[in-house]
Amino acid sequence: SRAGMALSVLVILLLSMLYEAVKMGKAVLLRRALLALPRSLSRESLVEPEEGGTEAAQGSPSLMVFPFFFHRWFQYHVGQTLFHVVQVVLGYMVMLAVMSYNAWIFLGAIAGSTLGYFV
């Protein structure tokens, strides 16, 4: 029926838009994850030497900052992984719909991808 086809095209259009939104969300999370890392991971930037000694201070505040950066980066990485799983599932769903070889479904996927990228 016409209503069923229109609904199918609309659903595919929205799935394609969601796919593009997830792709952009993943890029934003990557940027935040990279900003969460310290500028330099060298030993000198993480460890402050004791006064009068050459060994690193065990209770150095800068040494304690590293686990914070790692924990924050790990949270962003888990978020990116979840976004990737959603992106793959949506991509396969749109691909399966396009493989129905229906021109209207194909145009709905193209229009949704275009609108999703534009927005």
PDB file of N, CA and C in Angstrom:
ATOM      1  N   SER A   1       0.836  -1.188   0.000  1.00  0.00           N
ATOM      2  CA  SER A   1       0.000   0.000   0.000  1.00  0.00           C
ATOM      3  C   SER A   1       0.883   1.254   0.000  1.00  0.00           C
ATOM      4  N   ARG A   2       0.288   2.344  -0.386  1.00  0.00           N
ATOM      5  CA  ARG A   2       1.024   3.607  -0.448  1.00  0.00           C
ATOM      6  C   ARG A   2       1.453   4.089   0.942  1.00  0.00           C
ATOM      7  N   ALA A   3       0.564   3.937   1.907  1.00  0.00           N
ATOM      8  CA  ALA A   3       0.883   4.388   3.268  1.00  0.00           C
ATOM      9  C   ALA A   3       2.031   3.567   3.841  1.00  0.00           C
ATOM     10  N   GLY A   4       2.017   2.273   3.603  1.00  0.00           N
ATOM     11  CA  GLY A   4       3.095   1.407   4.083  1.00  0.00           C
ATOM     12  C   GLY A   4       4.432   1.766   3.454  1.00  0.00           C
ATOM     13  N   MET A   5       4.420   2.053   2.167  1.00  0.00           N
ATOM     14  CA  MET A   5       5.655   2.445   1.477  1.00  0.00           C
ATOM     15  C   MET A   5       6.154   3.788   1.992  1.00  0.00           C
ATOM     16  N   ALA A   6       5.240   4.742   2.182  1.00  0.00           N
ATOM     17  CA  ALA A   6       5.630   6.055   2.699  1.00  0.00           C
ATOM     18  C   ALA A   6       6.218   5.933   4.100  1.00  0.00           C
ATOM     19  N   LEU A   7       5.614   5.085   4.923  1.00  0.00           N
ATOM     20  CA  LEU A   7       6.132   4.865   6.270  1.00  0.00           C
ATOM     21  C   LEU A   7       7.511   4.208   6.220  1.00  0.00           C
ATOM     22  N   SER A   8       7.696   3.248   5.327  1.00  0.00           N
ATOM     23  CA  SER A   8       8.998   2.583   5.184  1.00  0.00           C
ATOM     24  C   SER A   8      10.078   3.568   4.757  1.00  0.00           C
ATOM     25  N   VAL A   9       9.751   4.422   3.799  1.00  0.00           N
ATOM     26  CA  VAL A   9      10.714   5.422   3.335  1.00  0.00           C
ATOM     27  C   VAL A   9      11.051   6.393   4.460  1.00  0.00           C
ATOM     28  N   LEU A  10      10.047   6.793   5.223  1.00  0.00           N
ATOM     29  CA  LEU A  10      10.280   7.702   6.350  1.00  0.00           C
ATOM     30  C   LEU A  10      11.170   7.059   7.411  1.00  0.00           C
ATOM     31  N   VAL A  11      10.929   5.790   7.710  1.00  0.00           N
ATOM     32  CA  VAL A  11      11.744   5.091   8.711  1.00  0.00           C
ATOM     33  C   VAL A  11      13.194   4.988   8.242  1.00  0.00           C
ATOM     34  N   ILE A  12      13.399   4.649   6.977  1.00  0.00           N
ATOM     35  CA  ILE A  12      14.753   4.560   6.435  1.00  0.00           C
ATOM     36  C   ILE A  12      15.420   5.929   6.425  1.00  0.00           C
ATOM     37  N   LEU A  13      14.666   6.961   6.094  1.00  0.00           N
ATOM     38  CA  LEU A  13      15.198   8.323   6.129  1.00  0.00           C
ATOM     39  C   LEU A  13      15.666   8.676   7.539  1.00  0.00           C
ATOM     40  N   LEU A  14      14.858   8.366   8.537  1.00  0.00           N
ATOM     41  CA  LEU A  14      15.220   8.668   9.928  1.00  0.00           C
ATOM     42  C   LEU A  14      16.399   7.817  10.396  1.00  0.00           C
ATOM     43  N   LEU A  15      16.450   6.553   9.994  1.00  0.00           N
ATOM     44  CA  LEU A  15      17.592   5.702  10.354  1.00  0.00           C
ATOM     45  C   LEU A  15      18.885   6.233   9.748  1.00  0.00           C
ATOM     46  N   SER A  16      18.813   6.701   8.515  1.00  0.00           N
ATOM     47  CA  SER A  16      20.000   7.265   7.872  1.00  0.00           C
ATOM     48  C   SER A  16      20.439   8.553   8.561  1.00  0.00           C
ATOM     49  N   MET A  17      19.470   9.367   8.964  1.00  0.00           N
ATOM     50  CA  MET A  17      19.813  10.587   9.702  1.00  0.00           C
ATOM     51  C   MET A  17      20.445  10.248  11.050  1.00  0.00           C
ATOM     52  N   LEU A  18      19.897   9.249  11.724  1.00  0.00           N
ATOM     53  CA  LEU A  18      20.456   8.818  13.009  1.00  0.00           C
ATOM     54  C   LEU A  18      21.867   8.270  12.835  1.00  0.00           C
ATOM     55  N   TYR A  19      22.106   7.550  11.743  1.00  0.00           N
ATOM     56  CA  TYR A  19      23.440   7.031  11.456  1.00  0.00           C
ATOM     57  C   TYR A  19      24.448   8.177  11.356  1.00  0.00           C
ATOM     58  N   GLU A  20      24.081   9.226  10.633  1.00  0.00           N
ATOM     59  CA  GLU A  20      24.981  10.375  10.497  1.00  0.00           C
ATOM     60  C   GLU A  20      25.179  11.094  11.834  1.00  0.00           C
ATOM     61  N   ALA A  21      24.130  11.173  12.641  1.00  0.00           N
ATOM     62  CA  ALA A  21      24.251  11.817  13.957  1.00  0.00           C
ATOM     63  C   ALA A  21      25.191  11.029  14.861  1.00  0.00           C
ATOM     64  N   VAL A  22      25.086   9.711  14.830  1.00  0.00           N
ATOM     65  CA  VAL A  22      25.971   8.873  15.638  1.00  0.00           C
ATOM     66  C   VAL A  22      27.411   9.025  15.162  1.00  0.00           C
ATOM     67  N   LYS A  23      27.595   9.106  13.853  1.00  0.00           N
ATOM     68  CA  LYS A  23      28.942   9.289  13.308  1.00  0.00           C
ATOM     69  C   LYS A  23      29.550  10.593  13.800  1.00  0.00           C
ATOM     70  N   MET A  24      28.767  11.656  13.833  1.00  0.00           N
ATOM     71  CA  MET A  24      29.273  12.938  14.330  1.00  0.00           C
ATOM     72  C   MET A  24      29.506  12.897  15.839  1.00  0.00           C
ATOM     73  N   GLY A  25      28.625  12.210  16.565  1.00  0.00           N
ATOM     74  CA  GLY A  25      28.818  12.056  18.004  1.00  0.00           C
ATOM     75  C   GLY A  25      30.101  11.326  18.329  1.00  0.00           C
ATOM     76  N   LYS A  26      30.425  10.339  17.524  1.00  0.00           N
ATOM     77  CA  LYS A  26      31.666   9.594  17.720  1.00  0.00           C
ATOM     78  C   LYS A  26      32.879  10.491  17.491  1.00  0.00           C
ATOM     79  N   ALA A  27      32.801  11.372  16.504  1.00  0.00           N
ATOM     80  CA  ALA A  27      33.899  12.305  16.235  1.00  0.00           C
ATOM     81  C   ALA A  27      34.061  13.304  17.383  1.00  0.00           C
ATOM     82  N   VAL A  28      32.952  13.761  17.933  1.00  0.00           N
ATOM     83  CA  VAL A  28      33.013  14.692  19.068  1.00  0.00           C
ATOM     84  C   VAL A  28      33.640  14.005  20.283  1.00  0.00           C
ATOM     85  N   LEU A  29      33.260  12.757  20.526  1.00  0.00           N
ATOM     86  CA  LEU A  29      33.854  12.018  21.646  1.00  0.00           C
ATOM     87  C   LEU A  29      35.343  11.794  21.436  1.00  0.00           C
ATOM     88  N   LEU A  30      35.761  11.542  20.210  1.00  0.00           N
ATOM     89  CA  LEU A  30      37.182  11.375  19.939  1.00  0.00           C
ATOM     90  C   LEU A  30      37.943  12.651  20.253  1.00  0.00           C
ATOM     91  N   ARG A  31      37.394  13.787  19.852  1.00  0.00           N
ATOM     92  CA  ARG A  31      38.034  15.066  20.144  1.00  0.00           C
ATOM     93  C   ARG A  31      38.146  15.288  21.651  1.00  0.00           C
ATOM     94  N   ARG A  32      37.075  14.981  22.378  1.00  0.00           N
ATOM     95  CA  ARG A  32      37.111  15.152  23.837  1.00  0.00           C
ATOM     96  C   ARG A  32      38.094  14.190  24.486  1.00  0.00           C
ATOM     97  N   ALA A  33      38.177  12.971  23.971  1.00  0.00           N
ATOM     98  CA  ALA A  33      39.118  11.993  24.526  1.00  0.00           C
ATOM     99  C   ALA A  33      40.551  12.452  24.316  1.00  0.00           C
ATOM    100  N   LEU A  34      40.838  13.006  23.157  1.00  0.00           N
ATOM    101  CA  LEU A  34      42.193  13.489  22.901  1.00  0.00           C
ATOM    102  C   LEU A  34      42.525  14.696  23.761  1.00  0.00           C
ATOM    103  N   LEU A  35      41.528  15.542  24.019  1.00  0.00           N
ATOM    104  CA  LEU A  35      41.768  16.691  24.894  1.00  0.00           C
ATOM    105  C   LEU A  35      41.906  16.277  26.350  1.00  0.00           C
ATOM    106  N   ALA A  36      41.374  15.111  26.720  1.00  0.00           N
ATOM    107  CA  ALA A  36      41.463  14.639  28.101  1.00  0.00           C
ATOM    108  C   ALA A  36      42.848  14.113  28.427  1.00  0.00           C
ATOM    109  N   LEU A  37      43.602  13.741  27.407  1.00  0.00           N
ATOM    110  CA  LEU A  37      44.959  13.245  27.643  1.00  0.00           C
ATOM    111  C   LEU A  37      45.886  14.406  27.955  1.00  0.00           C
ATOM    112  N   PRO A  38      46.902  14.157  28.786  1.00  0.00           N
ATOM    113  CA  PRO A  38      47.882  15.223  29.036  1.00  0.00           C
ATOM    114  C   PRO A  38      48.663  15.519  27.755  1.00  0.00           C
ATOM    115  N   ARG A  39      49.198  16.724  27.657  1.00  0.00           N
ATOM    116  CA  ARG A  39      49.952  17.128  26.467  1.00  0.00           C
ATOM    117  C   ARG A  39      51.157  16.220  26.232  1.00  0.00           C
ATOM    118  N   SER A  40      51.817  15.839  27.321  1.00  0.00           N
ATOM    119  CA  SER A  40      53.004  15.002  27.206  1.00  0.00           C
ATOM    120  C   SER A  40      52.897  13.870  28.216  1.00  0.00           C
ATOM    121  N   LEU A  41      53.221  12.689  27.789  1.00  0.00           N
ATOM    122  CA  LEU A  41      53.199  11.546  28.700  1.00  0.00           C
ATOM    123  C   LEU A  41      54.607  11.135  29.102  1.00  0.00           C
ATOM    124  N   SER A  42      55.552  12.047  28.971  1.00  0.00           N
ATOM    125  CA  SER A  42      56.927  11.725  29.334  1.00  0.00           C
ATOM    126  C   SER A  42      57.057  11.645  30.852  1.00  0.00           C
ATOM    127  N   ARG A  43      58.045  10.907  31.294  1.00  0.00           N
ATOM    128  CA  ARG A  43      58.272  10.725  32.723  1.00  0.00           C
ATOM    129  C   ARG A  43      58.565  12.067  33.399  1.00  0.00           C
ATOM    130  N   GLU A  44      59.291  12.933  32.721  1.00  0.00           N
ATOM    131  CA  GLU A  44      59.653  14.219  33.314  1.00  0.00           C
ATOM    132  C   GLU A  44      58.429  15.087  33.580  1.00  0.00           C
ATOM    133  N   SER A  45      57.420  14.983  32.732  1.00  0.00           N
ATOM    134  CA  SER A  45      56.238  15.819  32.936  1.00  0.00           C
ATOM    135  C   SER A  45      55.306  15.250  33.996  1.00  0.00           C
ATOM    136  N   LEU A  46      55.463  13.945  34.318  1.00  0.00           N
ATOM    137  CA  LEU A  46      54.586  13.323  35.299  1.00  0.00           C
ATOM    138  C   LEU A  46      55.210  13.245  36.689  1.00  0.00           C
ATOM    139  N   VAL A  47      56.517  13.309  36.778  1.00  0.00           N
ATOM    140  CA  VAL A  47      57.205  13.122  38.058  1.00  0.00           C
ATOM    141  C   VAL A  47      58.028  14.363  38.372  1.00  0.00           C
ATOM    142  N   GLU A  48      57.854  14.869  39.589  1.00  0.00           N
ATOM    143  CA  GLU A  48      58.659  15.996  40.047  1.00  0.00           C
ATOM    144  C   GLU A  48      59.769  15.461  40.930  1.00  0.00           C
ATOM    145  N   PRO A  49      61.012  15.855  40.716  1.00  0.00           N
ATOM    146  CA  PRO A  49      62.106  15.360  41.569  1.00  0.00           C
ATOM    147  C   PRO A  49      62.039  15.971  42.965  1.00  0.00           C
ATOM    148  N   GLU A  50      62.536  15.204  43.936  1.00  0.00           N
ATOM    149  CA  GLU A  50      62.603  15.722  45.317  1.00  0.00           C
ATOM    150  C   GLU A  50      63.702  16.764  45.399  1.00  0.00           C
ATOM    151  N   GLU A  51      63.581  17.653  46.381  1.00  0.00           N
ATOM    152  CA  GLU A  51      64.626  18.650  46.563  1.00  0.00           C
ATOM    153  C   GLU A  51      65.863  17.962  47.111  1.00  0.00           C
ATOM    154  N   GLY A  52      66.997  18.213  46.477  1.00  0.00           N
ATOM    155  CA  GLY A  52      68.254  17.646  46.929  1.00  0.00           C
ATOM    156  C   GLY A  52      68.458  16.205  46.497  1.00  0.00           C
ATOM    157  N   GLY A  53      67.529  15.595  45.809  1.00  0.00           N
ATOM    158  CA  GLY A  53      67.686  14.206  45.379  1.00  0.00           C
ATOM    159  C   GLY A  53      67.419  14.076  43.897  1.00  0.00           C
ATOM    160  N   THR A  54      67.822  12.931  43.357  1.00  0.00           N
ATOM    161  CA  THR A  54      67.596  12.695  41.930  1.00  0.00           C
ATOM    162  C   THR A  54      66.436  11.744  41.701  1.00  0.00           C
ATOM    163  N   GLU A  55      65.957  11.094  42.728  1.00  0.00           N
ATOM    164  CA  GLU A  55      64.842  10.156  42.581  1.00  0.00           C
ATOM    165  C   GLU A  55      63.517  10.912  42.561  1.00  0.00           C
ATOM    166  N   ALA A  56      62.525  10.314  41.955  1.00  0.00           N
ATOM    167  CA  ALA A  56      61.193  10.928  41.894  1.00  0.00           C
ATOM    168  C   ALA A  56      60.508  10.823  43.248  1.00  0.00           C
ATOM    169  N   ALA A  57      59.719  11.799  43.551  1.00  0.00           N
ATOM    170  CA  ALA A  57      58.950  11.792  44.789  1.00  0.00           C
ATOM    171  C   ALA A  57      57.810  10.790  44.660  1.00  0.00           C
ATOM    172  N   GLN A  58      57.649   9.940  45.666  1.00  0.00           N
ATOM    173  CA  GLN A  58      56.611   8.918  45.621  1.00  0.00           C
ATOM    174  C   GLN A  58      55.223   9.515  45.732  1.00  0.00           C
ATOM    175  N   GLY A  59      55.065  10.546  46.531  1.00  0.00           N
ATOM    176  CA  GLY A  59      53.757  11.156  46.720  1.00  0.00           C
ATOM    177  C   GLY A  59      53.564  12.403  45.878  1.00  0.00           C
ATOM    178  N   SER A  60      54.270  12.486  44.792  1.00  0.00           N
ATOM    179  CA  SER A  60      54.232  13.678  43.949  1.00  0.00           C
ATOM    180  C   SER A  60      52.827  13.929  43.418  1.00  0.00           C
ATOM    181  N   PRO A  61      52.338  15.154  43.516  1.00  0.00           N
ATOM    182  CA  PRO A  61      50.998  15.451  43.009  1.00  0.00           C
ATOM    183  C   PRO A  61      50.874  15.197  41.507  1.00  0.00           C
ATOM    184  N   SER A  62      51.934  15.489  40.761  1.00  0.00           N
ATOM    185  CA  SER A  62      51.822  15.295  39.310  1.00  0.00           C
ATOM    186  C   SER A  62      51.789  13.813  38.955  1.00  0.00           C
ATOM    187  N   LEU A  63      52.390  12.954  39.802  1.00  0.00           N
ATOM    188  CA  LEU A  63      52.340  11.515  39.555  1.00  0.00           C
ATOM    189  C   LEU A  63      50.931  10.986  39.820  1.00  0.00           C
ATOM    190  N   MET A  64      50.222  11.627  40.735  1.00  0.00           N
ATOM    191  CA  MET A  64      48.874  11.179  41.069  1.00  0.00           C
ATOM    192  C   MET A  64      47.851  11.636  40.024  1.00  0.00           C
ATOM    193  N   VAL A  65      48.205  12.569  39.167  1.00  0.00           N
ATOM    194  CA  VAL A  65      47.284  13.086  38.165  1.00  0.00           C
ATOM    195  C   VAL A  65      47.107  12.085  37.029  1.00  0.00           C
ATOM    196  N   PHE A  66      48.137  11.272  36.745  1.00  0.00           N
ATOM    197  CA  PHE A  66      48.073  10.352  35.606  1.00  0.00           C
ATOM    198  C   PHE A  66      46.882   9.400  35.669  1.00  0.00           C
ATOM    199  N   PRO A  67      46.572   8.737  36.811  1.00  0.00           N
ATOM    200  CA  PRO A  67      45.393   7.862  36.823  1.00  0.00           C
ATOM    201  C   PRO A  67      44.096   8.610  36.522  1.00  0.00           C
ATOM    202  N   PHE A  68      44.004   9.869  36.930  1.00  0.00           N
ATOM    203  CA  PHE A  68      42.814  10.667  36.628  1.00  0.00           C
ATOM    204  C   PHE A  68      42.657  10.823  35.117  1.00  0.00           C
ATOM    205  N   PHE A  69      43.756  11.162  34.446  1.00  0.00           N
ATOM    206  CA  PHE A  69      43.688  11.311  32.985  1.00  0.00           C
ATOM    207  C   PHE A  69      43.325   9.997  32.322  1.00  0.00           C
ATOM    208  N   PHE A  70      43.909   8.901  32.792  1.00  0.00           N
ATOM    209  CA  PHE A  70      43.628   7.599  32.187  1.00  0.00           C
ATOM    210  C   PHE A  70      42.171   7.217  32.398  1.00  0.00           C
ATOM    211  N   HIS A  71      41.648   7.427  33.607  1.00  0.00           N
ATOM    212  CA  HIS A  71      40.254   7.089  33.899  1.00  0.00           C
ATOM    213  C   HIS A  71      39.309   7.888  33.014  1.00  0.00           C
ATOM    214  N   ARG A  72      39.601   9.168  32.878  1.00  0.00           N
ATOM    215  CA  ARG A  72      38.754  10.028  32.046  1.00  0.00           C
ATOM    216  C   ARG A  72      38.828   9.594  30.589  1.00  0.00           C
ATOM    217  N   TRP A  73      40.040   9.298  30.082  1.00  0.00           N
ATOM    218  CA  TRP A  73      40.202   8.834  28.710  1.00  0.00           C
ATOM    219  C   TRP A  73      39.473   7.515  28.508  1.00  0.00           C
ATOM    220  N   PHE A  74      39.556   6.612  29.497  1.00  0.00           N
ATOM    221  CA  PHE A  74      38.904   5.304  29.388  1.00  0.00           C
ATOM    222  C   PHE A  74      37.394   5.457  29.286  1.00  0.00           C
ATOM    223  N   GLN A  75      36.813   6.388  30.036  1.00  0.00           N
ATOM    224  CA  GLN A  75      35.366   6.632  29.939  1.00  0.00           C
ATOM    225  C   GLN A  75      34.982   7.096  28.536  1.00  0.00           C
ATOM    226  N   TYR A  76      35.774   7.991  27.968  1.00  0.00           N
ATOM    227  CA  TYR A  76      35.503   8.436  26.601  1.00  0.00           C
ATOM    228  C   TYR A  76      35.649   7.281  25.617  1.00  0.00           C
ATOM    229  N   HIS A  77      36.626   6.408  25.850  1.00  0.00           N
ATOM    230  CA  HIS A  77      36.843   5.273  24.952  1.00  0.00           C
ATOM    231  C   HIS A  77      35.667   4.297  25.005  1.00  0.00           C
ATOM    232  N   VAL A  78      35.121   4.072  26.181  1.00  0.00           N
ATOM    233  CA  VAL A  78      33.943   3.207  26.310  1.00  0.00           C
ATOM    234  C   VAL A  78      32.761   3.841  25.578  1.00  0.00           C
ATOM    235  N   GLY A  79      32.596   5.139  25.715  1.00  0.00           N
ATOM    236  CA  GLY A  79      31.532   5.838  24.991  1.00  0.00           C
ATOM    237  C   GLY A  79      31.701   5.721  23.489  1.00  0.00           C
ATOM    238  N   GLN A  80      32.942   5.868  23.005  1.00  0.00           N
ATOM    239  CA  GLN A  80      33.203   5.717  21.572  1.00  0.00           C
ATOM    240  C   GLN A  80      32.880   4.302  21.109  1.00  0.00           C
ATOM    241  N   THR A  81      33.194   3.314  21.921  1.00  0.00           N
ATOM    242  CA  THR A  81      32.910   1.929  21.558  1.00  0.00           C
ATOM    243  C   THR A  81      31.415   1.698  21.426  1.00  0.00           C
ATOM    244  N   LEU A  82      30.644   2.225  22.366  1.00  0.00           N
ATOM    245  CA  LEU A  82      29.188   2.082  22.290  1.00  0.00           C
ATOM    246  C   LEU A  82      28.626   2.805  21.066  1.00  0.00           C
ATOM    247  N   PHE A  83      29.137   4.000  20.787  1.00  0.00           N
ATOM    248  CA  PHE A  83      28.708   4.718  19.594  1.00  0.00           C
ATOM    249  C   PHE A  83      29.048   3.918  18.341  1.00  0.00           C
ATOM    250  N   HIS A  84      30.215   3.262  18.331  1.00  0.00           N
ATOM    251  CA  HIS A  84      30.614   2.473  17.165  1.00  0.00           C
ATOM    252  C   HIS A  84      29.664   1.293  16.939  1.00  0.00           C
ATOM    253  N   VAL A  85      29.281   0.616  18.026  1.00  0.00           N
ATOM    254  CA  VAL A  85      28.357  -0.514  17.908  1.00  0.00           C
ATOM    255  C   VAL A  85      27.018  -0.041  17.343  1.00  0.00           C
ATOM    256  N   VAL A  86      26.502   1.071  17.853  1.00  0.00           N
ATOM    257  CA  VAL A  86      25.235   1.611  17.348  1.00  0.00           C
ATOM    258  C   VAL A  86      25.378   1.999  15.876  1.00  0.00           C
ATOM    259  N   GLN A  87      26.513   2.599  15.513  1.00  0.00           N
ATOM    260  CA  GLN A  87      26.729   3.008  14.134  1.00  0.00           C
ATOM    261  C   GLN A  87      26.767   1.798  13.204  1.00  0.00           C
ATOM    262  N   VAL A  88      27.424   0.727  13.602  1.00  0.00           N
ATOM    263  CA  VAL A  88      27.504  -0.474  12.765  1.00  0.00           C
ATOM    264  C   VAL A  88      26.125  -1.101  12.595  1.00  0.00           C
ATOM    265  N   VAL A  89      25.366  -1.201  13.687  1.00  0.00           N
ATOM    266  CA  VAL A  89      24.024  -1.792  13.606  1.00  0.00           C
ATOM    267  C   VAL A  89      23.130  -0.963  12.680  1.00  0.00           C
ATOM    268  N   LEU A  90      23.142   0.358  12.850  1.00  0.00           N
ATOM    269  CA  LEU A  90      22.329   1.216  11.981  1.00  0.00           C
ATOM    270  C   LEU A  90      22.771   1.108  10.527  1.00  0.00           C
ATOM    271  N   GLY A  91      24.071   1.056  10.304  1.00  0.00           N
ATOM    272  CA  GLY A  91      24.582   0.941   8.945  1.00  0.00           C
ATOM    273  C   GLY A  91      24.122  -0.338   8.265  1.00  0.00           C
ATOM    274  N   TYR A  92      24.167  -1.446   8.999  1.00  0.00           N
ATOM    275  CA  TYR A  92      23.707  -2.708   8.423  1.00  0.00           C
ATOM    276  C   TYR A  92      22.193  -2.702   8.181  1.00  0.00           C
ATOM    277  N   MET A  93      21.452  -2.069   9.069  1.00  0.00           N
ATOM    278  CA  MET A  93      20.004  -1.999   8.862  1.00  0.00           C
ATOM    279  C   MET A  93      19.668  -1.202   7.601  1.00  0.00           C
ATOM    280  N   VAL A  94      20.342  -0.071   7.408  1.00  0.00           N
ATOM    281  CA  VAL A  94      20.102   0.734   6.206  1.00  0.00           C
ATOM    282  C   VAL A  94      20.564  -0.039   4.969  1.00  0.00           C
ATOM    283  N   MET A  95      21.695  -0.729   5.082  1.00  0.00           N
ATOM    284  CA  MET A  95      22.182  -1.504   3.949  1.00  0.00           C
ATOM    285  C   MET A  95      21.192  -2.598   3.559  1.00  0.00           C
ATOM    286  N   LEU A  96      20.644  -3.284   4.553  1.00  0.00           N
ATOM    287  CA  LEU A  96      19.665  -4.332   4.246  1.00  0.00           C
ATOM    288  C   LEU A  96      18.413  -3.756   3.586  1.00  0.00           C
ATOM    289  N   ALA A  97      18.009  -2.577   4.026  1.00  0.00           N
ATOM    290  CA  ALA A  97      16.842  -1.945   3.405  1.00  0.00           C
ATOM    291  C   ALA A  97      17.137  -1.566   1.961  1.00  0.00           C
ATOM    292  N   VAL A  98      18.324  -1.027   1.708  1.00  0.00           N
ATOM    293  CA  VAL A  98      18.699  -0.646   0.350  1.00  0.00           C
ATOM    294  C   VAL A  98      18.815  -1.886  -0.537  1.00  0.00           C
ATOM    295  N   MET A  99      19.229  -3.002   0.036  1.00  0.00           N
ATOM    296  CA  MET A  99      19.366  -4.232  -0.744  1.00  0.00           C
ATOM    297  C   MET A  99      18.018  -4.822  -1.157  1.00  0.00           C
ATOM    298  N   SER A 100      16.939  -4.189  -0.766  1.00  0.00           N
ATOM    299  CA  SER A 100      15.627  -4.626  -1.255  1.00  0.00           C
ATOM    300  C   SER A 100      15.424  -4.189  -2.710  1.00  0.00           C
ATOM    301  N   TYR A 101      16.356  -3.392  -3.224  1.00  0.00           N
ATOM    302  CA  TYR A 101      16.323  -2.899  -4.606  1.00  0.00           C
ATOM    303  C   TYR A 101      15.055  -2.119  -4.930  1.00  0.00           C
ATOM    304  N   ASN A 102      14.544  -1.425  -3.927  1.00  0.00           N
ATOM    305  CA  ASN A 102      13.395  -0.558  -4.136  1.00  0.00           C
ATOM    306  C   ASN A 102      13.935   0.868  -4.302  1.00  0.00           C
ATOM    307  N   ALA A 103      13.576   1.521  -5.388  1.00  0.00           N
ATOM    308  CA  ALA A 103      14.103   2.858  -5.676  1.00  0.00           C
ATOM    309  C   ALA A 103      13.694   3.876  -4.617  1.00  0.00           C
ATOM    310  N   TRP A 104      12.478   3.782  -4.093  1.00  0.00           N
ATOM    311  CA  TRP A 104      12.012   4.735  -3.082  1.00  0.00           C
ATOM    312  C   TRP A 104      12.780   4.570  -1.771  1.00  0.00           C
ATOM    313  N   ILE A 105      13.034   3.319  -1.398  1.00  0.00           N
ATOM    314  CA  ILE A 105      13.821   3.061  -0.180  1.00  0.00           C
ATOM    315  C   ILE A 105      15.246   3.605  -0.371  1.00  0.00           C
ATOM    316  N   PHE A 106      15.801   3.368  -1.544  1.00  0.00           N
ATOM    317  CA  PHE A 106      17.144   3.867  -1.854  1.00  0.00           C
ATOM    318  C   PHE A 106      17.182   5.391  -1.760  1.00  0.00           C
ATOM    319  N   LEU A 107      16.196   6.058  -2.343  1.00  0.00           N
ATOM    320  CA  LEU A 107      16.147   7.521  -2.284  1.00  0.00           C
ATOM    321  C   LEU A 107      15.946   8.020  -0.849  1.00  0.00           C
ATOM    322  N   GLY A 108      15.160   7.269  -0.060  1.00  0.00           N
ATOM    323  CA  GLY A 108      14.992   7.632   1.350  1.00  0.00           C
ATOM    324  C   GLY A 108      16.306   7.540   2.114  1.00  0.00           C
ATOM    325  N   ALA A 109      17.109   6.507   1.828  1.00  0.00           N
ATOM    326  CA  ALA A 109      18.412   6.357   2.494  1.00  0.00           C
ATOM    327  C   ALA A 109      19.358   7.478   2.084  1.00  0.00           C
ATOM    328  N   ILE A 110      19.349   7.824   0.794  1.00  0.00           N
ATOM    329  CA  ILE A 110      20.217   8.905   0.317  1.00  0.00           C
ATOM    330  C   ILE A 110      19.775  10.243   0.917  1.00  0.00           C
ATOM    331  N   ALA A 111      18.474  10.497   0.911  1.00  0.00           N
ATOM    332  CA  ALA A 111      17.960  11.760   1.478  1.00  0.00           C
ATOM    333  C   ALA A 111      18.247  11.851   2.976  1.00  0.00           C
ATOM    334  N   GLY A 112      18.080  10.751   3.691  1.00  0.00           N
ATOM    335  CA  GLY A 112      18.363  10.753   5.126  1.00  0.00           C
ATOM    336  C   GLY A 112      19.825  10.985   5.429  1.00  0.00           C
ATOM    337  N   SER A 113      20.695  10.371   4.636  1.00  0.00           N
ATOM    338  CA  SER A 113      22.128  10.574   4.829  1.00  0.00           C
ATOM    339  C   SER A 113      22.513  12.018   4.538  1.00  0.00           C
ATOM    340  N   THR A 114      21.918  12.573   3.494  1.00  0.00           N
ATOM    341  CA  THR A 114      22.205  13.964   3.142  1.00  0.00           C
ATOM    342  C   THR A 114      21.707  14.920   4.224  1.00  0.00           C
ATOM    343  N   LEU A 115      20.475  14.722   4.661  1.00  0.00           N
ATOM    344  CA  LEU A 115      19.917  15.588   5.707  1.00  0.00           C
ATOM    345  C   LEU A 115      20.672  15.429   7.025  1.00  0.00           C
ATOM    346  N   GLY A 116      21.026  14.200   7.363  1.00  0.00           N
ATOM    347  CA  GLY A 116      21.771  13.961   8.602  1.00  0.00           C
ATOM    348  C   GLY A 116      23.119  14.627   8.591  1.00  0.00           C
ATOM    349  N   TYR A 117      23.794  14.617   7.469  1.00  0.00           N
ATOM    350  CA  TYR A 117      25.094  15.279   7.372  1.00  0.00           C
ATOM    351  C   TYR A 117      24.928  16.789   7.409  1.00  0.00           C
ATOM    352  N   PHE A 118      23.878  17.282   6.753  1.00  0.00           N
ATOM    353  CA  PHE A 118      23.643  18.730   6.702  1.00  0.00           C
ATOM    354  C   PHE A 118      23.305  19.283   8.086  1.00  0.00           C
ATOM    355  N   VAL A 119      22.481  18.566   8.818  1.00  0.00           N
ATOM    356  CA  VAL A 119      22.038  19.025  10.136  1.00  0.00           C
ATOM    357  C   VAL A 119      23.166  18.814  11.109  1.00  0.00           C
TER     358      VAL A 119
END
